[in-house]
Amino acid sequence: MSAAYRKTHKNQHKKRRPLLHTVTVLALLAAGAYLTVELREREQAALPPLEAVTDGAVPAAGAGRHTGTGRRHWERLRHPDRSVLRGAHGEVLATFTDGARTAALKGPSRVFTEPATTASRVVTEDWVRLLPKQWRQGAEKERWFQDWFGRHYGSEQDDILAMGFQYVDRAPVKKDAKGVAYAGDAAFGPLNPHGSLGNDLREEKSDFYDYLGIPYTYRDGVTARPEAARYHAVDCSGFIRLLYGYRAHYPLRSRGQSGGGLPRISDAMARSAIGADVIPPRGGGPGARPASIDVLQPGDLVFFELDARTGARLDHVGVYVGHDSDGHKIFLSSREEANGPTVSGKGGVSWLDGDGYYAERLRSAKRL
């Protein structure tokens, strides 16, 4: 090969290199842009609806499924201190209370009934769920909340209210993968052999593990074992522990255990430091009824002073579920007279307003 040819070929090669370099760079840029768009689309698909929850605009994905789309904003309210997410027209989409894990989310309207015992119907758009940790101001900007909200807002999986009505009279049995009946018509407790008109006709002391018929080991290592005579039975506080603890995974406290967790006894639940006191406990007796119950939110625990023999002790607990079809504030609890969870009038009309038996004896409310 001549020297002249080699020189010409070398010059031609030098001329091609910038062209090849330009083509390569453009190709890489195009590929990079494609990958960036693809990754962004994948990330957006994986992110929850509230990727960046701030005052002002809120991404519409998911959050507009039942309440319309548009700009949303957060509002701080007091008594109790809480953060409220509002929609484009000022409607409440969700409420989160400082110190509590219970959240009320708006969703599709539902009707809860107990046709075997009452004509009362609960019609509600509230869906009550538990946050993974207690709420505090500013949590709406944190990733743990954004992930949780993305999974749960608009979800129609069983919430606290739906689970509660799975234990009323003639509710069908539900079993888990191990064959344990975790839902279905629940009794209050076995008949009291010494019961009479002046005494309890049915025995208390039936806890959630009695209903399930399986042993349960608490966080402190204590193992509770069920009694055969109490199978499928829960008293009022046992029902709350079954609903919030076993089903919704709120921490449970064993007998005698101090610290966090949902206690065994109604009075201890009301006076414990867990959750937020929306109606703080006061002294008992006549005149102790709250002046107003407007602060109540579905899912709140409501406490009563029923038995004069116990002094000022709060001896009954239930769950506020909202308004019935007649506009009354109604609650669900496990009662001796109804032999299990009910919203019926057995043992007293289940209204928290008016001058009925339970309304007159309401003393406190807590948001877990």
Protein backbone atom coordinates (compact mmCIF):
# COMPACT_ATOMS: atom_id res chain seq x y z
CA MET A 1 0.00 0.00 0.00
CA SER A 2 1.45 3.36 -1.02
CA ALA A 3 2.14 6.12 1.43
CA ALA A 4 -0.20 8.44 -0.49
CA TYR A 5 -3.11 5.97 -0.14
CA ARG A 6 -2.51 5.49 3.59
CA LYS A 7 -2.52 9.26 4.11
CA THR A 8 -5.76 9.69 2.14
CA HIS A 9 -7.49 6.84 4.04
CA LYS A 10 -6.34 8.26 7.37
CA ASN A 11 -7.75 11.67 6.52
CA GLN A 12 -11.07 10.14 5.48
CA HIS A 13 -11.21 8.19 8.77
CA LYS A 14 -10.60 11.37 10.74
CA LYS A 15 -13.49 13.03 8.92
CA ARG A 16 -15.83 10.11 9.75
CA ARG A 17 -15.02 10.10 13.50
CA PRO A 18 -16.82 13.35 14.36
CA LEU A 19 -19.84 12.19 12.39
CA LEU A 20 -19.85 8.80 14.12
CA HIS A 21 -19.34 10.47 17.49
CA THR A 22 -22.29 12.79 16.87
CA VAL A 23 -24.54 9.91 15.80
CA THR A 24 -23.51 7.88 18.86
CA VAL A 25 -24.18 10.76 21.25
CA LEU A 26 -27.58 11.43 19.69
CA ALA A 27 -28.46 7.74 19.93
CA LEU A 28 -27.43 7.63 23.58
CA LEU A 29 -29.39 10.78 24.33
CA ALA A 30 -32.46 9.35 22.64
CA ALA A 31 -32.12 6.08 24.53
CA GLY A 32 -31.54 7.95 27.75
CA ALA A 33 -34.61 10.07 27.18
CA TYR A 34 -36.68 6.98 26.44
CA LEU A 35 -35.42 5.23 29.57
CA THR A 36 -36.02 8.33 31.66
CA VAL A 37 -39.61 8.57 30.47
CA GLU A 38 -40.15 4.85 30.95
CA LEU A 39 -38.68 4.89 34.46
CA ARG A 40 -40.69 7.96 35.36
CA GLU A 41 -43.87 6.26 34.15
CA ARG A 42 -43.01 3.15 36.16
CA GLU A 43 -42.27 5.22 39.25
CA GLN A 44 -45.49 7.14 38.90
CA ALA A 45 -47.43 3.92 38.50
CA ALA A 46 -45.84 2.56 41.68
CA LEU A 47 -46.19 5.70 43.78
CA PRO A 48 -49.28 6.27 45.93
CA PRO A 49 -51.83 8.94 44.99
CA LEU A 50 -50.35 11.47 47.41
CA GLU A 51 -46.73 11.44 46.22
CA ALA A 52 -46.29 14.99 47.47
CA VAL A 53 -48.98 15.95 49.91
CA THR A 54 -48.82 19.67 50.55
CA ASP A 55 -51.17 22.59 50.92
CA GLY A 56 -52.65 23.31 47.52
CA ALA A 57 -52.68 20.82 44.68
CA VAL A 58 -52.81 17.11 45.41
CA PRO A 59 -52.32 14.54 42.64
CA ALA A 60 -55.69 13.26 41.52
CA ALA A 61 -54.88 9.57 41.04
CA GLY A 62 -56.97 7.43 43.36
CA ALA A 63 -58.11 10.29 45.58
CA GLY A 64 -60.79 11.39 43.12
CA ARG A 65 -62.45 8.05 42.63
CA HIS A 66 -65.39 8.78 44.91
CA THR A 67 -65.28 12.51 45.61
CA GLY A 68 -64.35 14.17 42.34
CA THR A 69 -61.01 15.54 41.25
CA GLY A 70 -59.41 18.94 41.59
CA ARG A 71 -57.33 20.91 44.02
CA ARG A 72 -57.24 19.67 47.58
CA HIS A 73 -55.82 21.18 50.71
CA TRP A 74 -55.06 20.37 54.33
CA GLU A 75 -56.69 22.17 57.24
CA ARG A 76 -55.80 22.10 60.93
CA LEU A 77 -58.65 21.95 63.44
CA ARG A 78 -58.72 21.82 67.23
CA HIS A 79 -60.67 20.03 69.98
CA PRO A 80 -59.30 17.53 69.24
CA ASP A 81 -56.20 18.64 67.31
CA ARG A 82 -56.45 17.06 63.88
CA SER A 83 -55.56 17.36 60.20
CA VAL A 84 -58.40 17.35 57.69
CA LEU A 85 -57.95 16.76 53.97
CA ARG A 86 -60.56 18.70 52.01
CA GLY A 87 -61.61 18.42 48.38
CA ALA A 88 -62.02 21.06 45.70
CA HIS A 89 -65.40 22.14 47.07
CA GLY A 90 -64.44 22.04 50.74
CA GLU A 91 -65.80 18.55 51.35
CA VAL A 92 -63.98 16.41 53.92
CA LEU A 93 -62.04 13.56 52.31
CA ALA A 94 -60.18 12.26 55.36
CA THR A 95 -59.55 13.10 59.02
CA PHE A 96 -56.44 12.27 61.06
CA THR A 97 -56.27 13.05 64.78
CA ASP A 98 -53.08 13.88 66.69
CA GLY A 99 -52.03 11.00 68.94
CA ALA A 100 -54.44 8.53 67.32
CA ARG A 101 -54.06 5.83 64.71
CA THR A 102 -57.73 5.76 63.74
CA ALA A 103 -58.41 7.51 60.43
CA ALA A 104 -61.78 8.24 58.83
CA LEU A 105 -61.69 8.18 55.03
CA LYS A 106 -64.57 9.02 52.71
CA GLY A 107 -65.55 6.35 50.22
CA PRO A 108 -68.53 4.61 48.60
CA SER A 109 -71.77 4.75 50.56
CA ARG A 110 -72.66 1.57 52.46
CA VAL A 111 -75.61 0.28 54.44
CA PHE A 112 -75.18 -1.82 57.60
CA THR A 113 -78.15 -3.69 59.00
CA GLU A 114 -79.05 -6.18 61.70
CA PRO A 115 -82.37 -7.41 60.33
CA ALA A 116 -82.76 -10.24 62.84
CA THR A 117 -83.21 -7.82 65.73
CA THR A 118 -83.87 -4.27 64.51
CA ALA A 119 -85.09 -2.18 61.61
CA SER A 120 -82.29 0.35 62.21
CA ARG A 121 -80.02 0.90 59.24
CA VAL A 122 -76.67 2.66 59.23
CA VAL A 123 -75.95 4.50 55.97
CA THR A 124 -72.42 5.88 55.80
CA GLU A 125 -69.63 7.02 53.49
CA ASP A 126 -67.07 6.74 56.31
CA TRP A 127 -64.43 4.03 56.13
CA VAL A 128 -62.47 3.61 59.38
CA ARG A 129 -58.91 2.30 59.18
CA LEU A 130 -55.78 2.19 61.32
CA LEU A 131 -52.63 4.10 60.45
CA PRO A 132 -49.32 2.26 60.98
CA LYS A 133 -48.33 4.87 63.58
CA GLN A 134 -49.87 7.69 65.57
CA TRP A 135 -50.75 10.83 63.65
CA ARG A 136 -48.98 14.11 64.26
CA GLN A 137 -49.05 17.47 62.52
CA GLY A 138 -46.95 17.42 59.36
CA ALA A 139 -47.20 13.64 58.85
CA GLU A 140 -48.99 14.27 55.56
CA LYS A 141 -45.60 15.13 54.04
CA GLU A 142 -43.90 11.91 55.14
CA ARG A 143 -43.40 8.93 52.87
CA TRP A 144 -44.89 6.36 55.26
CA PHE A 145 -48.20 8.23 55.19
CA GLN A 146 -48.15 8.75 51.44
CA ASP A 147 -47.61 5.02 50.94
CA TRP A 148 -50.41 4.16 53.38
CA PHE A 149 -52.86 6.64 51.88
CA GLY A 150 -52.15 5.40 48.37
CA ARG A 151 -53.03 1.85 49.41
CA HIS A 152 -56.11 2.62 51.48
CA TYR A 153 -57.93 5.63 50.06
CA GLY A 154 -60.66 4.24 47.82
CA SER A 155 -60.02 0.66 48.98
CA GLU A 156 -63.14 -1.39 49.65
CA GLN A 157 -61.45 -4.01 51.80
CA ASP A 158 -63.13 -4.62 55.15
CA ASP A 159 -62.66 -1.72 57.55
CA ILE A 160 -63.47 -1.42 61.27
CA LEU A 161 -67.17 -0.80 60.62
CA ALA A 162 -67.57 -3.70 58.20
CA MET A 163 -65.72 -6.02 60.56
CA GLY A 164 -67.88 -4.94 63.51
CA PHE A 165 -71.09 -5.99 61.78
CA GLN A 166 -69.60 -9.41 61.06
CA TYR A 167 -70.46 -10.44 64.65
CA VAL A 168 -74.12 -9.42 64.96
CA ASP A 169 -77.00 -11.87 65.24
CA ARG A 170 -77.00 -14.44 62.40
CA ALA A 171 -73.84 -13.06 60.78
CA PRO A 172 -72.26 -15.79 58.60
CA VAL A 173 -69.14 -17.62 59.76
CA LYS A 174 -65.81 -16.68 58.18
CA LYS A 175 -62.75 -18.89 58.51
CA ASP A 176 -59.07 -18.24 57.87
CA ALA A 177 -56.63 -20.51 56.03
CA LYS A 178 -56.08 -22.55 59.23
CA GLY A 179 -59.78 -23.18 59.68
CA VAL A 180 -60.17 -20.76 62.61
CA ALA A 181 -63.60 -19.10 62.62
CA TYR A 182 -62.59 -15.44 63.04
CA ALA A 183 -66.03 -13.92 62.33
CA GLY A 184 -69.67 -14.87 62.65
CA ASP A 185 -72.56 -14.48 65.10
CA ALA A 186 -70.99 -13.88 68.53
CA ALA A 187 -72.54 -14.50 71.95
CA PHE A 188 -71.88 -12.33 75.02
CA GLY A 189 -70.99 -15.18 77.36
CA PRO A 190 -72.32 -18.34 79.00
CA LEU A 191 -75.41 -18.21 81.20
CA ASN A 192 -74.72 -17.26 84.80
CA PRO A 193 -75.77 -20.22 86.99
CA HIS A 194 -76.55 -17.73 89.76
CA GLY A 195 -78.22 -15.20 87.48
CA SER A 196 -81.49 -13.57 88.43
CA LEU A 197 -83.38 -10.35 87.80
CA GLY A 198 -81.04 -8.57 90.20
CA ASN A 199 -77.84 -10.15 88.91
CA ASP A 200 -76.11 -10.65 85.59
CA LEU A 201 -77.93 -13.24 83.51
CA ARG A 202 -74.80 -13.98 81.48
CA GLU A 203 -71.21 -14.10 82.62
CA GLU A 204 -68.63 -11.55 81.54
CA LYS A 205 -64.90 -12.32 81.08
CA SER A 206 -65.12 -13.67 77.52
CA ASP A 207 -62.16 -12.20 75.62
CA PHE A 208 -61.27 -12.32 71.93
CA TYR A 209 -59.26 -15.56 72.25
CA ASP A 210 -62.31 -17.23 73.83
CA TYR A 211 -64.32 -16.33 70.75
CA LEU A 212 -61.56 -17.69 68.49
CA GLY A 213 -60.99 -20.80 70.59
CA ILE A 214 -57.19 -20.55 70.25
CA PRO A 215 -54.33 -19.54 72.60
CA TYR A 216 -52.87 -16.06 72.13
CA THR A 217 -49.39 -14.90 73.15
CA TYR A 218 -49.00 -11.21 73.97
CA ARG A 219 -45.95 -9.05 73.35
CA ASP A 220 -44.78 -9.55 76.96
CA GLY A 221 -44.70 -13.33 76.47
CA VAL A 222 -47.87 -14.06 78.45
CA THR A 223 -50.05 -16.70 76.77
CA ALA A 224 -53.82 -16.60 77.30
CA ARG A 225 -55.82 -19.77 76.79
CA PRO A 226 -59.50 -19.95 75.85
CA GLU A 227 -62.24 -21.56 77.91
CA ALA A 228 -64.37 -24.06 76.01
CA ALA A 229 -67.57 -22.72 77.57
CA ARG A 230 -66.82 -19.27 76.14
CA TYR A 231 -66.18 -20.34 72.54
CA HIS A 232 -67.63 -17.78 70.10
CA ALA A 233 -68.39 -15.36 72.95
CA VAL A 234 -67.04 -11.84 73.69
CA ASP A 235 -68.12 -9.38 76.37
CA CYS A 236 -68.10 -5.65 75.59
CA SER A 237 -64.36 -5.03 76.01
CA GLY A 238 -63.49 -8.43 74.53
CA PHE A 239 -65.41 -7.41 71.40
CA ILE A 240 -63.35 -4.21 71.09
CA ARG A 241 -60.14 -6.21 71.47
CA LEU A 242 -61.34 -8.72 68.87
CA LEU A 243 -62.22 -5.94 66.45
CA TYR A 244 -59.32 -3.51 66.89
CA GLY A 245 -56.67 -5.85 68.22
CA TYR A 246 -56.99 -9.24 66.56
CA ARG A 247 -58.62 -8.08 63.35
CA ALA A 248 -57.09 -4.60 62.82
CA HIS A 249 -53.76 -5.32 64.62
CA TYR A 250 -53.83 -2.60 67.26
CA PRO A 251 -51.42 -3.67 70.06
CA LEU A 252 -53.08 -5.56 72.90
CA ARG A 253 -52.18 -5.48 76.57
CA SER A 254 -52.26 -8.64 78.67
CA ARG A 255 -53.85 -8.67 82.11
CA GLY A 256 -51.66 -6.77 84.54
CA GLN A 257 -49.31 -5.52 81.84
CA SER A 258 -48.43 -1.85 82.01
CA GLY A 259 -47.51 0.44 79.15
CA GLY A 260 -49.02 0.69 75.68
CA GLY A 261 -51.64 -1.51 74.15
CA LEU A 262 -55.39 -1.89 74.45
CA PRO A 263 -56.30 -2.98 78.02
CA ARG A 264 -58.73 -5.74 78.92
CA ILE A 265 -61.20 -3.71 81.01
CA SER A 266 -63.47 -0.93 79.75
CA ASP A 267 -62.53 1.52 82.49
CA ALA A 268 -58.82 0.94 81.84
CA MET A 269 -59.38 1.54 78.11
CA ALA A 270 -61.09 4.86 78.81
CA ARG A 271 -58.46 6.08 81.28
CA SER A 272 -55.35 4.80 79.49
CA ALA A 273 -52.91 7.12 77.72
CA ILE A 274 -53.39 5.47 74.35
CA GLY A 275 -55.10 7.32 71.52
CA ALA A 276 -56.77 10.70 71.86
CA ASP A 277 -59.51 11.54 74.36
CA VAL A 278 -62.20 13.25 72.30
CA ILE A 279 -64.49 13.30 75.36
CA PRO A 280 -62.22 12.95 78.44
CA PRO A 281 -63.49 10.80 81.34
CA ARG A 282 -65.04 12.76 84.20
CA GLY A 283 -66.55 11.91 87.54
CA GLY A 284 -69.55 9.62 87.48
CA GLY A 285 -73.11 9.99 88.63
CA PRO A 286 -75.93 12.30 87.55
CA GLY A 287 -74.78 15.32 85.57
CA ALA A 288 -71.69 13.57 84.19
CA ARG A 289 -73.16 13.22 80.72
CA PRO A 290 -71.13 15.17 78.07
CA ALA A 291 -72.59 18.55 77.17
CA SER A 292 -72.06 17.80 73.47
CA ILE A 293 -71.23 14.73 71.38
CA ASP A 294 -70.79 16.54 68.06
CA VAL A 295 -67.06 15.74 68.17
CA LEU A 296 -67.71 12.01 67.69
CA GLN A 297 -66.32 10.35 64.57
CA PRO A 298 -67.18 6.84 63.33
CA GLY A 299 -64.76 4.36 64.87
CA ASP A 300 -64.51 6.19 68.21
CA LEU A 301 -64.81 4.09 71.36
CA VAL A 302 -67.67 5.24 73.58
CA PHE A 303 -67.76 4.47 77.31
CA PHE A 304 -70.71 4.21 79.68
CA GLU A 305 -71.44 4.07 83.39
CA LEU A 306 -74.20 1.49 83.63
CA ASP A 307 -73.89 -0.42 86.90
CA ALA A 308 -74.36 1.67 90.04
CA ARG A 309 -72.67 -1.12 92.00
CA THR A 310 -69.31 -0.22 90.44
CA GLY A 311 -69.30 3.42 91.55
CA ALA A 312 -67.84 5.77 88.96
CA ARG A 313 -66.20 2.98 87.01
CA LEU A 314 -66.88 2.95 83.26
CA ASP A 315 -68.22 -0.55 82.81
CA HIS A 316 -69.37 -0.68 79.19
CA VAL A 317 -67.71 0.15 75.86
CA GLY A 318 -68.87 0.23 72.26
CA VAL A 319 -67.99 1.64 68.83
CA TYR A 320 -69.68 4.69 67.38
CA VAL A 321 -70.73 3.81 63.82
CA GLY A 322 -72.48 6.98 62.62
CA HIS A 323 -76.09 7.97 61.98
CA ASP A 324 -78.94 5.55 61.51
CA SER A 325 -81.67 6.01 58.91
CA ASP A 326 -83.64 8.15 61.40
CA GLY A 327 -80.72 10.52 61.93
CA HIS A 328 -79.69 9.29 65.38
CA LYS A 329 -76.09 8.74 66.43
CA ILE A 330 -75.81 5.00 66.92
CA PHE A 331 -73.22 2.65 68.39
CA LEU A 332 -72.38 -1.06 68.27
CA SER A 333 -71.48 -3.05 71.38
CA SER A 334 -71.63 -6.57 72.83
CA ARG A 335 -74.41 -6.73 75.43
CA GLU A 336 -75.71 -9.25 77.87
CA GLU A 337 -79.36 -8.56 77.01
CA ALA A 338 -78.80 -9.11 73.28
CA ASN A 339 -76.34 -11.95 73.93
CA GLY A 340 -73.67 -10.44 71.69
CA PRO A 341 -72.78 -7.47 69.48
CA THR A 342 -75.77 -5.39 68.40
CA VAL A 343 -77.14 -2.00 67.37
CA SER A 344 -80.63 -3.08 68.41
CA GLY A 345 -82.71 -1.77 71.29
CA LYS A 346 -82.15 -4.83 73.45
CA GLY A 347 -80.88 -3.53 76.76
CA GLY A 348 -81.65 0.03 75.68
CA VAL A 349 -81.96 1.91 72.40
CA SER A 350 -78.53 2.25 70.77
CA TRP A 351 -78.73 6.03 70.44
CA LEU A 352 -76.11 8.37 71.87
CA ASP A 353 -78.36 11.40 71.41
CA GLY A 354 -81.72 12.03 73.03
CA ASP A 355 -82.72 10.87 76.50
CA GLY A 356 -82.43 7.11 76.12
CA TYR A 357 -80.76 4.65 78.47
CA TYR A 358 -77.30 4.74 76.88
CA ALA A 359 -77.44 8.44 75.97
CA GLU A 360 -78.00 9.33 79.62
CA ARG A 361 -75.13 7.12 80.75
CA LEU A 362 -72.50 8.07 78.16
CA ARG A 363 -69.40 9.40 79.94
CA SER A 364 -66.37 9.37 77.63
CA ALA A 365 -65.04 8.75 74.11
CA LYS A 366 -61.60 7.86 72.80
CA ARG A 367 -60.11 7.79 69.30
CA LEU A 368 -57.54 4.98 69.22
